[in-house]
Amino acid sequence: MDAKILGIYANETEVGIKIGWCDINRGFGEILITRNSPRFDIVIDSETMGKDFVKEVLNKLVDNARLVD
């Protein structure tokens, strides 16, 4: 699996990050994580892949990152 940040956006009512993923067995897609105001709810659009898959993609994103202490 591979995971990359595709974009980050913000406007008056929400902020979000789009993560692209690809996997030889599952294909490819995007996960959109948004936080809206004034309630600051976090919403994750996983394109029907589920919570465990989102965790796997986020873990891969962290694994691929250069960590600065």
C-alpha atoms as a PDB file:
ATOM      1  CA  MET A   1       0.000   0.000   0.000  1.00  0.00           C
ATOM      2  CA  ASP A   2       1.018   3.577  -0.599  1.00  0.00           C
ATOM      3  CA  ALA A   3      -0.541   6.725   0.889  1.00  0.00           C
ATOM      4  CA  LYS A   4       0.118  10.398   0.128  1.00  0.00           C
ATOM      5  CA  ILE A   5      -1.386  13.762   1.024  1.00  0.00           C
ATOM      6  CA  LEU A   6      -3.085  15.115  -2.091  1.00  0.00           C
ATOM      7  CA  GLY A   7      -4.240  18.439  -0.695  1.00  0.00           C
ATOM      8  CA  ILE A   8      -5.166  20.577   2.267  1.00  0.00           C
ATOM      9  CA  TYR A   9      -7.861  23.243   2.197  1.00  0.00           C
ATOM     10  CA  ALA A  10      -9.584  25.706   4.493  1.00  0.00           C
ATOM     11  CA  ASN A  11     -12.468  28.118   4.171  1.00  0.00           C
ATOM     12  CA  GLU A  12     -14.775  30.003   6.542  1.00  0.00           C
ATOM     13  CA  THR A  13     -16.688  26.907   7.636  1.00  0.00           C
ATOM     14  CA  GLU A  14     -14.330  23.943   7.375  1.00  0.00           C
ATOM     15  CA  VAL A  15     -10.803  22.669   7.032  1.00  0.00           C
ATOM     16  CA  GLY A  16      -9.811  19.410   5.395  1.00  0.00           C
ATOM     17  CA  ILE A  17      -7.136  17.093   4.131  1.00  0.00           C
ATOM     18  CA  LYS A  18      -7.354  14.700   1.188  1.00  0.00           C
ATOM     19  CA  ILE A  19      -5.263  11.533   1.292  1.00  0.00           C
ATOM     20  CA  GLY A  20      -4.762   9.364  -1.763  1.00  0.00           C
ATOM     21  CA  TRP A  21      -4.070   5.657  -1.446  1.00  0.00           C
ATOM     22  CA  CYS A  22      -3.299   2.765  -3.759  1.00  0.00           C
ATOM     23  CA  ASP A  23      -2.946  -0.938  -3.097  1.00  0.00           C
ATOM     24  CA  ILE A  24      -2.233  -3.765  -5.516  1.00  0.00           C
ATOM     25  CA  ASN A  25      -5.101  -5.867  -4.090  1.00  0.00           C
ATOM     26  CA  ARG A  26      -7.706  -3.178  -3.359  1.00  0.00           C
ATOM     27  CA  GLY A  27      -7.206  -0.611  -6.089  1.00  0.00           C
ATOM     28  CA  PHE A  28      -6.986   3.095  -5.330  1.00  0.00           C
ATOM     29  CA  GLY A  29      -9.010   5.922  -3.859  1.00  0.00           C
ATOM     30  CA  GLU A  30      -9.138   8.946  -1.618  1.00  0.00           C
ATOM     31  CA  ILE A  31      -9.994   9.627   1.989  1.00  0.00           C
ATOM     32  CA  LEU A  32     -11.281  13.081   2.882  1.00  0.00           C
ATOM     33  CA  ILE A  33     -11.040  14.224   6.501  1.00  0.00           C
ATOM     34  CA  THR A  34     -12.874  17.456   7.332  1.00  0.00           C
ATOM     35  CA  ARG A  35     -13.568  19.489  10.450  1.00  0.00           C
ATOM     36  CA  ASN A  36     -16.420  21.947  10.331  1.00  0.00           C
ATOM     37  CA  SER A  37     -17.266  24.867  12.557  1.00  0.00           C
ATOM     38  CA  PRO A  38     -18.817  26.011  14.792  1.00  0.00           C
ATOM     39  CA  ARG A  39     -19.233  22.469  16.218  1.00  0.00           C
ATOM     40  CA  PHE A  40     -15.769  21.236  15.164  1.00  0.00           C
ATOM     41  CA  ASP A  41     -17.089  17.798  14.226  1.00  0.00           C
ATOM     42  CA  ILE A  42     -14.596  15.609  12.386  1.00  0.00           C
ATOM     43  CA  VAL A  43     -16.050  13.767   9.398  1.00  0.00           C
ATOM     44  CA  ILE A  44     -14.176  11.089   7.424  1.00  0.00           C
ATOM     45  CA  ASP A  45     -15.319  10.083   3.942  1.00  0.00           C
ATOM     46  CA  SER A  46     -13.674   6.701   3.347  1.00  0.00           C
ATOM     47  CA  GLU A  47     -15.472   5.891   0.071  1.00  0.00           C
ATOM     48  CA  THR A  48     -17.128   2.923   1.873  1.00  0.00           C
ATOM     49  CA  MET A  49     -13.799   1.368   2.929  1.00  0.00           C
ATOM     50  CA  GLY A  50     -14.478   1.466   6.688  1.00  0.00           C
ATOM     51  CA  LYS A  51     -12.777   2.617   9.861  1.00  0.00           C
ATOM     52  CA  ASP A  52     -10.106  -0.106  10.011  1.00  0.00           C
ATOM     53  CA  PHE A  53      -9.025   0.673   6.453  1.00  0.00           C
ATOM     54  CA  VAL A  54      -8.780   4.392   7.267  1.00  0.00           C
ATOM     55  CA  LYS A  55      -6.524   3.499  10.212  1.00  0.00           C
ATOM     56  CA  GLU A  56      -4.357   1.388   7.901  1.00  0.00           C
ATOM     57  CA  VAL A  57      -4.001   4.273   5.424  1.00  0.00           C
ATOM     58  CA  LEU A  58      -3.144   6.753   8.197  1.00  0.00           C
ATOM     59  CA  ASN A  59      -0.553   4.327   9.593  1.00  0.00           C
ATOM     60  CA  LYS A  60       1.031   4.004   6.148  1.00  0.00           C
ATOM     61  CA  LEU A  61       1.079   7.790   5.785  1.00  0.00           C
ATOM     62  CA  VAL A  62       2.975   8.050   9.083  1.00  0.00           C
ATOM     63  CA  ASP A  63       5.318   5.198   8.129  1.00  0.00           C
ATOM     64  CA  ASN A  64       6.185   6.974   4.854  1.00  0.00           C
ATOM     65  CA  ALA A  65       6.816  10.325   6.551  1.00  0.00           C
ATOM     66  CA  ARG A  66      10.130  11.769   7.666  1.00  0.00           C
ATOM     67  CA  LEU A  67       9.770  12.276  11.417  1.00  0.00           C
ATOM     68  CA  VAL A  68      11.295  15.404  12.931  1.00  0.00           C
ATOM     69  CA  ASP A  69      11.843  15.186  16.686  1.00  0.00           C
END
